[in-house]
Amino acid sequence: MGKVGLVLGGGAVRGLAHVGVLKAFERHRIHVDCLTGASMGGAVGGLYAAGIPLEALEHFIQKTPKYRLIDVGFRKRGLIAGNSIYMAVKDLLKEHGKKDLLIEDLPVSFKTVSVDLLEGKQVVFDKGDLLTALRATTAFPGIFSPLMHNGMMLVDGGVLNNLPVEELGREEGQLIIAVDVAREHEKKPPRNLVEVLYRSYSLMNTERKHGSLRLTDVIIRPDIGHIPAFDFTKSQECIEAGEEAAERIIDELKARVTSIEQ
């Protein structure tokens, strides 16, 4: 029997569309056996793999005041230190009985990626502390402070690999689904420093992303390109767009899943 592998790409707030995609999967009883993700895709994927109910994750996104997640990090090489977000996610896991989780013990096989600035290399988290992995893969350079861990200076995995399909691995009979939430180019000028940084990294990643997409069987592209990457007032719109995108191809997807199960 084949497995279903899911790859969730980075995209800042647009990455919250992954929550909607997973909601559609659950509604139609499409079981994910293994999952990889980068940046926001890594965060959503890791929490899902840990067994956090999607309703609880959506509620967390909607109801957590944004001011609670912001802590100044200028002395730590970023505008935001990231400790407040770390603690909020830690509390979410604890609330659902998921304290001190190791990646290798998760109900769903999970990997996420980060980048070590000291060596200039990708780092794959496939074991060890889940919270550390989530903090590392979401440390967007210049915005969030890097994470110092085991002699490495770790930043957002999307810097080198925004859609980590290769890290999923390819088994015989496996169906690989990718959710692409990154917009490659837009003519509208960036509004601020954050958007300049994000668009620059997105452009650098375009060629590798195209290569990764060629390794997939099904691609889901939520209609979220018009949403600014860091406009968190559009969180719910992104979730709904992900759900709608998955529903548009759900018949094809169910047929593909049925074929590998036979």
Protein backbone atom coordinates (compact mmCIF):
# COMPACT_ATOMS: atom_id res chain seq x y z
CA MET A 1 0.00 0.00 0.00
CA GLY A 2 1.40 3.39 -1.02
CA LYS A 3 1.78 6.39 1.25
CA VAL A 4 0.62 9.98 0.92
CA GLY A 5 3.41 12.54 1.34
CA LEU A 6 2.64 16.22 1.77
CA VAL A 7 5.05 19.14 1.27
CA LEU A 8 4.09 22.56 2.64
CA GLY A 9 5.99 25.53 1.25
CA GLY A 10 6.96 28.76 2.95
CA GLY A 11 5.07 31.98 2.31
CA ALA A 12 4.77 33.97 5.56
CA VAL A 13 1.10 34.72 6.22
CA ARG A 14 0.18 33.06 2.93
CA GLY A 15 1.44 29.84 4.48
CA LEU A 16 -1.64 29.80 6.70
CA ALA A 17 -3.45 28.51 3.62
CA HIS A 18 -1.97 25.14 4.62
CA VAL A 19 -4.44 25.03 7.51
CA GLY A 20 -7.31 25.23 5.03
CA VAL A 21 -5.80 22.54 2.80
CA LEU A 22 -5.50 20.20 5.77
CA LYS A 23 -9.08 20.95 6.81
CA ALA A 24 -10.27 19.80 3.39
CA PHE A 25 -8.11 16.69 3.62
CA GLU A 26 -9.64 15.77 6.96
CA ARG A 27 -13.15 16.42 5.70
CA HIS A 28 -12.59 13.99 2.83
CA ARG A 29 -10.61 11.52 4.95
CA ILE A 30 -7.35 11.89 3.08
CA HIS A 31 -4.73 10.62 5.49
CA VAL A 32 -1.22 12.10 5.35
CA ASP A 33 1.52 9.57 6.18
CA CYS A 34 4.58 11.81 5.98
CA LEU A 35 5.06 15.56 5.86
CA THR A 36 7.80 18.10 5.23
CA GLY A 37 7.68 21.87 5.33
CA ALA A 38 9.69 25.06 5.39
CA SER A 39 9.06 28.33 7.19
CA MET A 40 5.32 28.76 7.82
CA GLY A 41 4.77 25.43 6.06
CA GLY A 42 7.11 23.86 8.60
CA ALA A 43 5.28 25.48 11.50
CA VAL A 44 1.81 24.41 10.36
CA GLY A 45 3.07 20.98 9.33
CA GLY A 46 4.86 20.37 12.61
CA LEU A 47 1.86 21.28 14.74
CA TYR A 48 -0.40 19.12 12.59
CA ALA A 49 2.03 16.19 12.74
CA ALA A 50 2.08 16.60 16.52
CA GLY A 51 -1.66 16.06 16.66
CA ILE A 52 -2.86 19.61 17.35
CA PRO A 53 -6.50 19.71 16.12
CA LEU A 54 -6.95 22.04 13.16
CA GLU A 55 -9.83 23.78 14.91
CA ALA A 56 -7.52 24.60 17.80
CA LEU A 57 -4.79 25.83 15.47
CA GLU A 58 -7.24 28.04 13.59
CA HIS A 59 -8.56 29.43 16.88
CA PHE A 60 -5.00 30.13 18.01
CA ILE A 61 -4.31 32.06 14.80
CA GLN A 62 -7.55 34.06 15.03
CA LYS A 63 -7.62 34.83 18.74
CA THR A 64 -4.01 35.38 19.81
CA PRO A 65 -3.40 39.15 20.00
CA LYS A 66 -0.55 40.08 17.67
CA TYR A 67 1.05 42.33 20.30
CA ARG A 68 1.63 39.23 22.44
CA LEU A 69 3.84 37.78 19.72
CA ILE A 70 6.17 40.74 19.25
CA ASP A 71 9.34 41.18 21.30
CA VAL A 72 12.06 43.56 20.17
CA GLY A 73 15.22 41.80 19.03
CA PHE A 74 17.66 44.44 17.75
CA ARG A 75 20.48 43.17 19.97
CA LYS A 76 19.83 39.63 18.73
CA ARG A 77 20.23 40.36 15.01
CA GLY A 78 16.53 40.72 14.18
CA LEU A 79 13.63 43.14 14.51
CA ILE A 80 11.74 40.52 16.54
CA ALA A 81 13.49 38.24 19.03
CA GLY A 82 11.00 35.40 18.50
CA ASN A 83 10.80 34.36 22.15
CA SER A 84 7.18 35.46 22.54
CA ILE A 85 6.06 33.39 19.55
CA TYR A 86 8.07 30.45 20.87
CA MET A 87 6.32 30.66 24.24
CA ALA A 88 2.86 31.02 22.65
CA VAL A 89 3.38 27.88 20.56
CA LYS A 90 4.80 26.09 23.60
CA ASP A 91 1.64 26.96 25.54
CA LEU A 92 -0.51 25.69 22.66
CA LEU A 93 1.28 22.35 22.68
CA LYS A 94 1.08 22.09 26.46
CA GLU A 95 -2.64 22.88 26.38
CA HIS A 96 -3.19 19.81 24.22
CA GLY A 97 -0.94 17.50 26.23
CA LYS A 98 1.96 17.76 23.77
CA LYS A 99 4.69 19.08 26.05
CA ASP A 100 8.37 18.34 25.26
CA LEU A 101 7.64 16.47 22.02
CA LEU A 102 10.41 14.86 20.00
CA ILE A 103 10.05 14.82 16.23
CA GLU A 104 10.78 11.10 16.03
CA ASP A 105 7.82 10.41 18.35
CA LEU A 106 5.20 12.36 16.38
CA PRO A 107 2.09 10.50 15.14
CA VAL A 108 2.87 11.64 11.57
CA SER A 109 6.40 11.40 10.15
CA PHE A 110 7.74 14.97 9.92
CA LYS A 111 10.79 16.88 8.71
CA THR A 112 11.49 20.57 8.46
CA VAL A 113 14.47 22.56 7.22
CA SER A 114 16.55 25.47 8.41
CA VAL A 115 19.78 27.11 7.25
CA ASP A 116 22.99 27.49 9.23
CA LEU A 117 24.40 30.95 8.45
CA LEU A 118 27.86 29.99 9.73
CA GLU A 119 28.32 27.11 7.29
CA GLY A 120 25.91 28.28 4.58
CA LYS A 121 24.22 24.88 4.54
CA GLN A 122 20.75 23.46 4.92
CA VAL A 123 19.96 21.72 8.19
CA VAL A 124 17.23 19.06 8.25
CA PHE A 125 15.32 18.51 11.48
CA ASP A 126 14.01 14.93 11.50
CA LYS A 127 14.58 14.22 15.18
CA GLY A 128 15.00 16.09 18.43
CA ASP A 129 12.92 18.81 20.06
CA LEU A 130 9.95 19.88 17.93
CA LEU A 131 9.80 23.42 19.29
CA THR A 132 13.44 24.02 18.44
CA ALA A 133 12.82 22.89 14.86
CA LEU A 134 9.78 25.15 14.51
CA ARG A 135 11.65 28.14 15.91
CA ALA A 136 14.55 27.54 13.51
CA THR A 137 12.54 27.11 10.32
CA THR A 138 10.53 30.30 10.92
CA ALA A 139 13.45 32.61 11.79
CA PHE A 140 13.12 34.82 8.70
CA PRO A 141 16.42 36.74 8.35
CA GLY A 142 16.31 40.39 9.29
CA ILE A 143 12.86 40.05 10.83
CA PHE A 144 13.27 37.29 13.42
CA SER A 145 16.50 36.77 15.30
CA PRO A 146 18.50 33.66 14.31
CA LEU A 147 18.40 30.69 16.68
CA MET A 148 21.73 29.69 18.19
CA HIS A 149 21.64 25.90 18.52
CA ASN A 150 24.45 23.35 18.84
CA GLY A 151 27.03 25.81 17.53
CA MET A 152 24.87 26.79 14.56
CA MET A 153 23.18 30.10 13.73
CA LEU A 154 19.88 28.96 12.27
CA VAL A 155 17.46 30.91 10.11
CA ASP A 156 14.37 30.26 7.99
CA GLY A 157 14.67 27.11 5.87
CA GLY A 158 13.10 28.98 2.96
CA VAL A 159 16.35 30.87 2.42
CA LEU A 160 17.74 27.87 0.52
CA ASN A 161 14.79 25.52 0.11
CA ASN A 162 11.29 26.91 0.32
CA LEU A 163 9.57 23.71 -0.86
CA PRO A 164 11.52 20.73 0.56
CA VAL A 165 10.21 17.95 -1.68
CA GLU A 166 13.53 16.09 -1.86
CA GLU A 167 13.64 15.79 1.92
CA LEU A 168 10.36 13.89 1.89
CA GLY A 169 11.99 10.98 0.09
CA ARG A 170 10.39 8.87 -2.61
CA GLU A 171 9.07 5.41 -1.82
CA GLU A 172 7.54 3.00 -4.31
CA GLY A 173 3.87 3.75 -4.79
CA GLN A 174 4.06 7.03 -2.87
CA LEU A 175 1.86 9.98 -3.86
CA ILE A 176 3.57 13.34 -3.32
CA ILE A 177 1.39 16.41 -2.92
CA ALA A 178 2.88 19.90 -2.74
CA VAL A 179 1.16 23.08 -1.58
CA ASP A 180 2.81 26.10 -3.21
CA VAL A 181 1.94 29.38 -1.49
CA ALA A 182 4.86 31.53 -2.66
CA ARG A 183 4.27 34.19 -5.28
CA GLU A 184 7.23 34.41 -7.63
CA HIS A 185 6.91 37.98 -8.85
CA GLU A 186 4.58 40.93 -8.71
CA LYS A 187 4.85 44.39 -10.22
CA LYS A 188 3.35 46.19 -7.24
CA PRO A 189 6.19 47.88 -5.31
CA PRO A 190 7.07 46.52 -1.86
CA ARG A 191 5.55 48.73 0.83
CA ASN A 192 8.26 48.46 3.46
CA LEU A 193 11.58 46.90 4.48
CA VAL A 194 9.94 43.61 5.42
CA GLU A 195 8.35 43.19 1.99
CA VAL A 196 11.61 44.13 0.23
CA LEU A 197 13.44 41.40 2.14
CA TYR A 198 10.75 38.80 1.59
CA ARG A 199 10.44 39.45 -2.15
CA SER A 200 14.21 39.29 -2.58
CA TYR A 201 14.39 35.85 -0.95
CA SER A 202 11.41 34.65 -2.98
CA LEU A 203 13.08 35.59 -6.25
CA MET A 204 16.29 33.81 -5.28
CA ASN A 205 14.32 30.64 -4.56
CA THR A 206 12.29 30.51 -7.76
CA GLU A 207 14.56 28.22 -9.80
CA ARG A 208 14.99 25.66 -7.02
CA LYS A 209 11.25 25.65 -6.35
CA HIS A 210 10.52 24.84 -9.98
CA GLY A 211 12.91 21.90 -9.78
CA SER A 212 11.22 20.66 -6.62
CA LEU A 213 7.75 20.92 -8.14
CA ARG A 214 8.81 18.62 -10.98
CA LEU A 215 9.24 15.85 -8.40
CA THR A 216 5.63 16.06 -7.21
CA ASP A 217 2.49 14.29 -8.41
CA VAL A 218 -0.13 16.86 -7.38
CA ILE A 219 0.29 20.61 -6.86
CA ILE A 220 -2.18 22.75 -4.92
CA ARG A 221 -1.92 26.52 -5.44
CA PRO A 222 -4.25 28.59 -3.24
CA ASP A 223 -5.35 31.91 -4.72
CA ILE A 224 -3.46 34.16 -2.30
CA GLY A 225 -0.93 35.98 -4.49
CA HIS A 226 -2.70 39.29 -3.91
CA ILE A 227 -2.21 39.11 -0.14
CA PRO A 228 0.90 40.86 1.23
CA ALA A 229 3.26 38.31 2.74
CA PHE A 230 3.20 39.82 6.24
CA ASP A 231 -0.37 41.14 6.44
CA PHE A 232 -1.65 39.03 9.32
CA THR A 233 -5.04 40.71 9.15
CA LYS A 234 -5.61 38.40 6.16
CA SER A 235 -5.00 35.19 8.11
CA GLN A 236 -8.55 33.89 7.82
CA GLU A 237 -8.71 34.76 4.13
CA CYS A 238 -5.60 32.66 3.56
CA ILE A 239 -7.05 29.70 5.46
CA GLU A 240 -10.25 29.86 3.42
CA ALA A 241 -8.29 30.12 0.15
CA GLY A 242 -6.36 26.97 1.05
CA GLU A 243 -9.56 25.11 1.75
CA GLU A 244 -11.10 26.24 -1.54
CA ALA A 245 -7.99 25.27 -3.53
CA ALA A 246 -7.99 21.75 -2.08
CA GLU A 247 -11.72 21.36 -2.72
CA ARG A 248 -11.25 22.28 -6.39
CA ILE A 249 -9.11 19.21 -7.01
CA ILE A 250 -10.52 16.92 -4.36
CA ASP A 251 -12.09 14.44 -6.80
CA GLU A 252 -8.82 14.01 -8.68
CA LEU A 253 -6.94 13.75 -5.41
CA LYS A 254 -9.24 11.11 -3.95
CA ALA A 255 -8.90 9.06 -7.14
CA ARG A 256 -5.09 9.26 -6.94
CA VAL A 257 -5.10 8.24 -3.29
CA THR A 258 -7.44 5.31 -4.02
CA SER A 259 -5.14 4.10 -6.79
CA ILE A 260 -2.10 3.82 -4.48
CA GLU A 261 -4.10 2.08 -1.77
CA GLN A 262 -5.09 -0.80 -4.03
